Amino acid sequence: METLKTPLYDFHIDNGGRMVAFAGWDMPVQYTSGIKAEHIATRRSCGLFDVSHMAQITLEGAGAEALLEKLTPTDVGAITEGRVRYSLFLNADGGILDDLMIARINNSLQLVVNAGRAKHDTAHLRGYLDTNTVMFVLENQALLALQGPASSTVLENLGLNLNGFTFMQIRQFELLGSAVTITRSGYTGEDGFEISVPAVDAVRFAEALLSDDNVVLAGLGARDTLRMEAGLPLWGHELDESTTPVEAGLRFALSKRRCDKADFPGASRIINELTNMPKRQLVGLLPEGGRPVREGTELLHNGQRVGHISSGGFSPSLNRPAALGFVAVPLAAAGTMLAADNRGKQTPIAVAALPLVPHRYFRGKKT
């Protein structure tokens, strides 16, 4: 099956991007500087990521809020103009069908969903559409993620006024002669921006951003190590249709009003877990030694299987192997020692609090 290409495909090739198939798309996994350099540059300065493979969706009409509340545990009505909320599509058992962002702007609801679940999610939404709701998939938009502590400076150098624009907000701007929609959030744990631009302008915007000495191109490899350090789950690894938000450490995505009413998919199981604790919990993990532990590795305690690694590799920020995984709740406290069964060799591994690297989102100046 032929893979799709973002509007920046040739730009990636021209800039030394090593392309791989990912979620049905040709995407850069890294550039010539390598994953570690891209990762460190994003933590210290600014990384530019092409995330145009993610689906951008607009819901309009009087039934849009009710539609999303049928599918998520979010109090959609409480998302005010200019705000963004992290949310989850849930199944009847409380399992996660996908995670997504919901934003309200210009009296419409804007969604961004994962590339690998885009077809599933659009079909899921269409199954609940009624005459009061219209859905648009924005196929002619590109999406650039500018992440890192220098990202606001880069945008301000291009003439953008970011006064009052803080974490989990959305706003429309005029930038480089084009109308763009920007959110301030991110998947790295750093301050960052997601810039939705017309596809025809994507290369021009990427070149303008890259012309700033603060900016380094970064690919999927660095995106994965950054989000792992930040303790941010990935669908197909930490999230799947059998995993609940409580197990995945996503209690914050469960709106109080919706929990009080227990009127969302899987509410019975999820509220029971909120009250009585789940059987397992997502945790950070720090292996001893220099060898990373990989996804699928079993975790042992006194010789008994107590969990597994969901994402694992090398943490450039910590300069050591690190991982995310699920463990039985009685063993989920930071400092608990387990063993990773690494191809028959047991590697000591310590449970660690998440995030492994502190978040540095911009929530506004302290008064």
Protein backbone atom coordinates (compact mmCIF):
# COMPACT_ATOMS: atom_id res chain seq x y z
CA MET A 1 0.00 0.00 0.00
CA GLU A 2 1.40 3.39 -1.01
CA THR A 3 2.28 5.72 1.84
CA LEU A 4 1.03 9.29 2.02
CA LYS A 5 3.29 12.33 1.91
CA THR A 6 2.93 15.58 3.84
CA PRO A 7 3.34 18.92 2.00
CA LEU A 8 6.88 19.02 3.47
CA TYR A 9 8.10 15.72 2.00
CA ASP A 10 10.55 17.28 -0.48
CA PHE A 11 11.66 19.78 2.17
CA HIS A 12 12.60 16.88 4.45
CA ILE A 13 14.59 15.17 1.67
CA ASP A 14 16.37 18.41 0.81
CA ASN A 15 17.35 18.85 4.47
CA GLY A 16 18.75 15.35 4.94
CA GLY A 17 15.69 13.73 6.48
CA ARG A 18 15.80 9.93 6.73
CA MET A 19 12.29 8.90 5.77
CA VAL A 20 10.39 5.94 7.20
CA ALA A 21 6.85 4.64 6.90
CA PHE A 22 4.81 5.67 9.93
CA ALA A 23 1.03 5.32 10.36
CA GLY A 24 0.61 5.19 6.59
CA TRP A 25 2.82 8.25 5.95
CA ASP A 26 6.39 8.86 4.80
CA MET A 27 7.89 10.77 7.72
CA PRO A 28 11.40 11.85 8.80
CA VAL A 29 12.68 9.76 11.70
CA GLN A 30 15.80 11.93 11.97
CA TYR A 31 18.04 14.33 10.10
CA THR A 32 21.82 14.32 9.62
CA SER A 33 22.58 15.55 13.15
CA GLY A 34 20.88 12.48 14.66
CA ILE A 35 18.15 11.81 17.22
CA LYS A 36 20.21 12.68 20.30
CA ALA A 37 21.30 16.06 18.94
CA GLU A 38 17.74 16.89 17.86
CA HIS A 39 16.43 15.91 21.27
CA ILE A 40 18.96 18.01 23.20
CA ALA A 41 18.42 20.97 20.87
CA THR A 42 14.68 20.86 21.58
CA ARG A 43 15.26 20.79 25.35
CA ARG A 44 17.82 23.62 25.22
CA SER A 45 16.54 25.75 22.39
CA CYS A 46 13.95 24.80 19.79
CA GLY A 47 12.99 21.86 17.57
CA LEU A 48 10.77 22.05 14.49
CA PHE A 49 8.62 18.97 13.82
CA ASP A 50 6.34 18.20 10.89
CA VAL A 51 3.13 16.78 12.36
CA SER A 52 0.99 17.27 9.26
CA HIS A 53 0.20 13.55 9.29
CA MET A 54 -2.15 14.14 12.24
CA ALA A 55 -5.76 14.75 11.26
CA GLN A 56 -7.29 18.18 11.81
CA ILE A 57 -11.08 18.09 12.12
CA THR A 58 -13.71 20.80 12.61
CA LEU A 59 -17.15 20.21 14.12
CA GLU A 60 -19.80 22.90 13.65
CA GLY A 61 -23.44 23.20 14.59
CA ALA A 62 -25.75 23.05 17.57
CA GLY A 63 -25.14 19.34 18.12
CA ALA A 64 -21.32 19.39 18.21
CA GLU A 65 -20.96 19.53 21.99
CA ALA A 66 -23.48 16.76 22.60
CA LEU A 67 -21.81 14.58 19.96
CA LEU A 68 -18.41 14.80 21.64
CA GLU A 69 -19.88 14.23 25.09
CA LYS A 70 -21.33 10.94 23.84
CA LEU A 71 -17.83 9.77 22.95
CA THR A 72 -15.54 11.34 25.59
CA PRO A 73 -15.40 11.98 29.36
CA THR A 74 -14.89 15.71 28.74
CA ASP A 75 -17.16 18.54 29.86
CA VAL A 76 -17.14 20.01 26.37
CA GLY A 77 -19.46 22.86 27.32
CA ALA A 78 -16.84 24.05 29.81
CA ILE A 79 -14.25 24.57 27.05
CA THR A 80 -14.51 28.31 26.57
CA GLU A 81 -13.57 30.29 23.47
CA GLY A 82 -9.83 30.19 22.90
CA ARG A 83 -9.16 27.18 25.14
CA VAL A 84 -7.80 23.69 24.40
CA ARG A 85 -8.57 20.50 26.32
CA TYR A 86 -6.89 17.09 26.18
CA SER A 87 -9.51 14.37 25.73
CA LEU A 88 -10.09 10.70 24.97
CA PHE A 89 -12.41 8.67 22.78
CA LEU A 90 -13.56 5.77 24.99
CA ASN A 91 -15.27 2.46 24.29
CA ALA A 92 -18.07 0.90 26.32
CA ASP A 93 -15.56 -0.85 28.60
CA GLY A 94 -13.65 2.34 29.37
CA GLY A 95 -10.78 1.47 27.00
CA ILE A 96 -9.09 4.25 25.04
CA LEU A 97 -9.92 4.36 21.32
CA ASP A 98 -7.64 7.37 20.84
CA ASP A 99 -6.46 10.52 22.57
CA LEU A 100 -7.05 13.90 21.01
CA MET A 101 -7.10 17.65 21.50
CA ILE A 102 -10.37 19.60 21.52
CA ALA A 103 -10.31 23.38 21.10
CA ARG A 104 -13.03 26.00 20.76
CA ILE A 105 -12.46 28.84 18.33
CA ASN A 106 -14.89 30.97 16.31
CA ASN A 107 -17.87 29.03 17.69
CA SER A 108 -16.57 25.75 16.30
CA LEU A 109 -14.79 22.79 17.87
CA GLN A 110 -11.37 21.97 16.44
CA LEU A 111 -9.96 18.45 16.94
CA VAL A 112 -6.50 17.03 16.31
CA VAL A 113 -6.28 13.22 16.34
CA ASN A 114 -3.47 10.71 15.83
CA ALA A 115 -2.46 9.80 12.30
CA GLY A 116 -2.68 6.06 12.93
CA ARG A 117 -6.25 6.42 14.22
CA ALA A 118 -7.47 9.12 11.84
CA LYS A 119 -9.64 6.83 9.69
CA HIS A 120 -11.04 5.15 12.80
CA ASP A 121 -11.78 8.47 14.49
CA THR A 122 -13.45 10.14 11.51
CA ALA A 123 -15.66 7.06 11.00
CA HIS A 124 -16.41 7.01 14.74
CA LEU A 125 -17.49 10.65 14.62
CA ARG A 126 -19.53 10.20 11.44
CA GLY A 127 -21.47 7.42 13.14
CA TYR A 128 -22.85 9.95 15.60
CA LEU A 129 -23.43 12.92 13.29
CA ASP A 130 -26.96 14.27 13.08
CA THR A 131 -28.63 17.08 11.18
CA ASN A 132 -27.43 19.57 13.81
CA THR A 133 -23.73 18.89 13.28
CA VAL A 134 -21.35 19.20 10.33
CA MET A 135 -17.85 17.71 10.24
CA PHE A 136 -14.96 18.89 8.06
CA VAL A 137 -11.61 17.10 7.73
CA LEU A 138 -9.07 19.82 6.93
CA GLU A 139 -7.12 18.01 4.24
CA ASN A 140 -5.53 21.18 2.85
CA GLN A 141 -3.87 22.21 6.09
CA ALA A 142 -0.35 21.40 7.28
CA LEU A 143 0.67 21.31 10.94
CA LEU A 144 4.08 22.38 12.28
CA ALA A 145 5.13 21.87 15.90
CA LEU A 146 7.70 24.35 17.23
CA GLN A 147 8.87 23.06 20.61
CA GLY A 148 11.37 24.19 23.20
CA PRO A 149 12.24 27.10 25.51
CA ALA A 150 13.20 29.39 22.60
CA SER A 151 10.02 28.72 20.60
CA SER A 152 8.22 31.86 21.77
CA THR A 153 11.26 33.99 20.95
CA VAL A 154 11.39 32.50 17.44
CA LEU A 155 7.76 33.43 16.79
CA GLU A 156 8.14 36.88 18.30
CA ASN A 157 11.14 37.47 16.02
CA LEU A 158 8.72 36.87 13.13
CA GLY A 159 6.43 39.58 14.45
CA LEU A 160 3.94 37.54 16.45
CA ASN A 161 2.45 39.17 19.57
CA LEU A 162 2.11 36.41 22.18
CA ASN A 163 0.97 38.62 25.07
CA GLY A 164 -1.56 36.72 27.19
CA PHE A 165 -1.20 33.57 25.09
CA THR A 166 -0.45 30.71 27.47
CA PHE A 167 -0.49 26.91 27.77
CA MET A 168 -3.58 25.19 26.34
CA GLN A 169 -4.87 28.20 24.46
CA ILE A 170 -5.74 28.60 20.77
CA ARG A 171 -5.76 31.77 18.72
CA GLN A 172 -5.81 32.92 15.11
CA PHE A 173 -2.91 35.07 13.94
CA GLU A 174 -1.63 36.78 10.83
CA LEU A 175 1.88 35.43 10.28
CA LEU A 176 4.16 35.77 7.26
CA GLY A 177 1.24 37.10 5.26
CA SER A 178 -1.07 34.14 5.94
CA ALA A 179 -3.91 33.44 8.36
CA VAL A 180 -2.84 30.70 10.75
CA THR A 181 -4.32 28.96 13.78
CA ILE A 182 -1.90 28.33 16.64
CA THR A 183 -2.22 26.35 19.85
CA ARG A 184 0.25 26.54 22.71
CA SER A 185 0.74 23.03 24.05
CA GLY A 186 3.06 20.28 22.88
CA TYR A 187 4.16 16.69 23.07
CA THR A 188 7.65 17.20 24.45
CA GLY A 189 7.05 18.59 27.95
CA GLU A 190 8.52 21.91 26.81
CA ASP A 191 6.81 25.17 25.96
CA GLY A 192 5.69 24.91 22.38
CA PHE A 193 3.31 25.79 19.59
CA GLU A 194 1.35 23.88 16.94
CA ILE A 195 0.91 26.01 13.84
CA SER A 196 -1.85 25.08 11.40
CA VAL A 197 -1.07 26.63 8.02
CA PRO A 198 -2.45 26.21 4.51
CA ALA A 199 -0.63 23.30 2.88
CA VAL A 200 0.56 25.55 0.05
CA ASP A 201 2.39 27.71 2.61
CA ALA A 202 3.98 24.86 4.60
CA VAL A 203 7.43 24.95 2.99
CA ARG A 204 7.62 28.74 3.18
CA PHE A 205 6.77 28.65 6.90
CA ALA A 206 9.21 25.84 7.63
CA GLU A 207 12.01 27.68 5.84
CA ALA A 208 11.25 30.90 7.71
CA LEU A 209 11.27 29.13 11.07
CA LEU A 210 14.44 27.21 10.24
CA SER A 211 16.22 30.43 9.25
CA ASP A 212 16.32 31.34 12.96
CA ASP A 213 19.55 30.07 14.54
CA ASN A 214 17.54 28.83 17.55
CA VAL A 215 15.72 26.22 15.43
CA VAL A 216 16.82 22.68 14.59
CA LEU A 217 14.81 20.24 12.46
CA ALA A 218 13.68 17.23 14.49
CA GLY A 219 12.05 13.96 13.47
CA LEU A 220 9.94 11.18 14.90
CA GLY A 221 12.86 9.68 16.80
CA ALA A 222 13.43 12.76 18.95
CA ARG A 223 9.68 13.29 19.28
CA ASP A 224 9.44 9.82 20.83
CA THR A 225 12.34 10.20 23.27
CA LEU A 226 11.09 13.64 24.33
CA ARG A 227 7.55 12.46 25.02
CA MET A 228 8.85 9.38 26.87
CA GLU A 229 10.90 11.55 29.22
CA ALA A 230 7.86 13.78 29.72
CA GLY A 231 5.73 10.75 30.63
CA LEU A 232 3.28 11.45 27.79
CA PRO A 233 1.52 8.31 26.51
CA LEU A 234 1.37 7.18 22.90
CA TRP A 235 -1.54 5.30 21.37
CA GLY A 236 -0.50 1.75 20.53
CA HIS A 237 2.07 1.76 23.33
CA GLU A 238 0.68 3.16 26.60
CA LEU A 239 -2.84 3.61 25.23
CA ASP A 240 -5.08 1.01 23.61
CA GLU A 241 -8.65 -0.25 23.65
CA SER A 242 -8.08 -2.33 26.79
CA THR A 243 -6.39 0.41 28.84
CA THR A 244 -8.39 2.91 30.88
CA PRO A 245 -7.52 6.55 31.57
CA VAL A 246 -6.99 5.72 35.25
CA GLU A 247 -4.46 3.00 34.45
CA ALA A 248 -2.67 5.34 32.04
CA GLY A 249 -2.35 8.16 34.57
CA LEU A 250 -4.86 10.37 32.75
CA ARG A 251 -7.27 11.16 35.57
CA PHE A 252 -6.98 14.85 34.70
CA ALA A 253 -8.82 14.11 31.42
CA LEU A 254 -11.92 12.97 33.33
CA SER A 255 -14.19 15.98 33.92
CA LYS A 256 -15.74 16.15 37.37
CA ARG A 257 -19.23 16.90 36.07
CA ARG A 258 -19.11 13.90 33.75
CA CYS A 259 -17.84 11.62 36.54
CA ASP A 260 -20.57 12.87 38.87
CA LYS A 261 -23.18 12.04 36.23
CA ALA A 262 -21.41 8.83 35.09
CA ASP A 263 -22.74 9.49 31.60
CA PHE A 264 -19.77 8.71 29.36
CA PRO A 265 -18.62 5.45 27.72
CA GLY A 266 -17.11 3.03 30.21
CA ALA A 267 -18.10 5.19 33.20
CA SER A 268 -18.88 2.24 35.46
CA ARG A 269 -15.42 0.68 35.19
CA ILE A 270 -13.58 4.00 35.28
CA ILE A 271 -15.40 5.35 38.33
CA ASN A 272 -14.82 2.05 40.11
CA GLU A 273 -11.10 2.43 39.41
CA LEU A 274 -11.16 6.02 40.65
CA THR A 275 -12.75 4.83 43.87
CA ASN A 276 -10.95 1.54 44.47
CA MET A 277 -7.75 1.90 42.41
CA PRO A 278 -7.00 0.01 39.19
CA LYS A 279 -5.04 -3.23 39.15
CA ARG A 280 -2.12 -1.67 37.29
CA GLN A 281 -0.60 1.77 36.80
CA LEU A 282 1.63 3.52 34.27
CA VAL A 283 4.99 4.43 35.81
CA GLY A 284 8.43 5.63 34.86
CA LEU A 285 11.25 3.10 34.93
CA LEU A 286 15.02 3.51 35.20
CA PRO A 287 17.10 0.40 34.36
CA GLU A 288 20.52 -0.10 35.87
CA GLY A 289 23.49 -0.31 33.53
CA GLY A 290 23.81 0.97 30.00
CA ARG A 291 21.52 -1.35 28.06
CA PRO A 292 18.02 -0.04 27.24
CA VAL A 293 14.95 -2.18 27.84
CA ARG A 294 12.47 -2.36 25.02
CA GLU A 295 8.72 -2.42 24.54
CA GLY A 296 7.15 -5.74 25.51
CA THR A 297 9.82 -6.68 28.06
CA GLU A 298 8.27 -8.36 31.09
CA LEU A 299 8.73 -6.88 34.56
CA LEU A 300 9.29 -9.29 37.44
CA HIS A 301 9.11 -9.08 41.23
CA ASN A 302 10.36 -12.06 43.23
CA GLY A 303 10.30 -14.02 40.01
CA GLN A 304 6.63 -13.27 39.30
CA ARG A 305 5.39 -11.27 36.32
CA VAL A 306 4.00 -7.95 37.58
CA GLY A 307 3.94 -5.80 34.46
CA HIS A 308 5.59 -4.91 31.19
CA ILE A 309 7.48 -2.16 29.36
CA SER A 310 5.28 -0.10 27.03
CA SER A 311 8.01 2.24 25.69
CA GLY A 312 11.73 1.97 26.27
CA GLY A 313 15.00 3.35 25.00
CA PHE A 314 17.75 5.82 25.83
CA SER A 315 17.00 9.15 27.53
CA PRO A 316 19.31 11.83 26.13
CA SER A 317 18.37 14.31 28.86
CA LEU A 318 19.17 11.85 31.66
CA ASN A 319 22.03 10.27 29.68
CA ARG A 320 20.84 6.79 30.63
CA PRO A 321 18.29 4.16 29.61
CA ALA A 322 14.70 4.91 30.61
CA ALA A 323 11.25 3.49 30.00
CA LEU A 324 7.53 3.70 30.61
CA GLY A 325 5.55 0.66 31.68
CA PHE A 326 2.61 -0.77 33.57
CA VAL A 327 3.07 -2.41 36.96
CA ALA A 328 0.73 -3.81 39.59
CA VAL A 329 -0.47 -0.94 41.79
CA PRO A 330 1.11 -2.26 45.05
CA LEU A 331 4.50 -1.99 43.30
CA ALA A 332 3.95 1.39 41.62
CA ALA A 333 5.64 3.56 44.27
CA ALA A 334 8.79 5.39 43.19
CA GLY A 335 11.90 3.54 44.32
CA THR A 336 10.41 0.05 44.12
CA MET A 337 12.95 -2.33 42.62
CA LEU A 338 11.85 -4.76 39.92
CA ALA A 339 13.64 -6.82 37.30
CA ALA A 340 13.31 -6.51 33.54
CA ASP A 341 13.47 -9.92 31.89
CA ASN A 342 15.70 -8.89 29.00
CA ARG A 343 16.04 -12.00 26.80
CA GLY A 344 16.56 -14.23 29.78
CA LYS A 345 18.89 -11.82 31.55
CA GLN A 346 17.35 -9.94 34.44
CA THR A 347 18.18 -6.24 34.56
CA PRO A 348 17.45 -4.41 37.85
CA ILE A 349 15.01 -1.58 37.18
CA ALA A 350 13.63 1.06 39.55
CA VAL A 351 10.15 2.52 39.45
CA ALA A 352 10.35 6.30 39.03
CA ALA A 353 7.81 9.10 39.32
CA LEU A 354 6.51 10.68 36.13
CA PRO A 355 7.50 12.82 34.40
CA LEU A 356 11.09 11.65 34.23
CA VAL A 357 12.06 15.16 33.09
CA PRO A 358 10.01 18.04 34.56
CA HIS A 359 7.47 19.80 32.32
CA ARG A 360 8.16 23.42 31.43
CA TYR A 361 4.89 24.55 29.88
CA PHE A 362 4.24 28.31 29.87
CA ARG A 363 1.27 28.97 32.13
CA GLY A 364 1.86 32.71 32.42
CA LYS A 365 4.08 34.89 34.51
CA LYS A 366 3.84 34.47 38.26
CA THR A 367 2.47 37.46 40.12
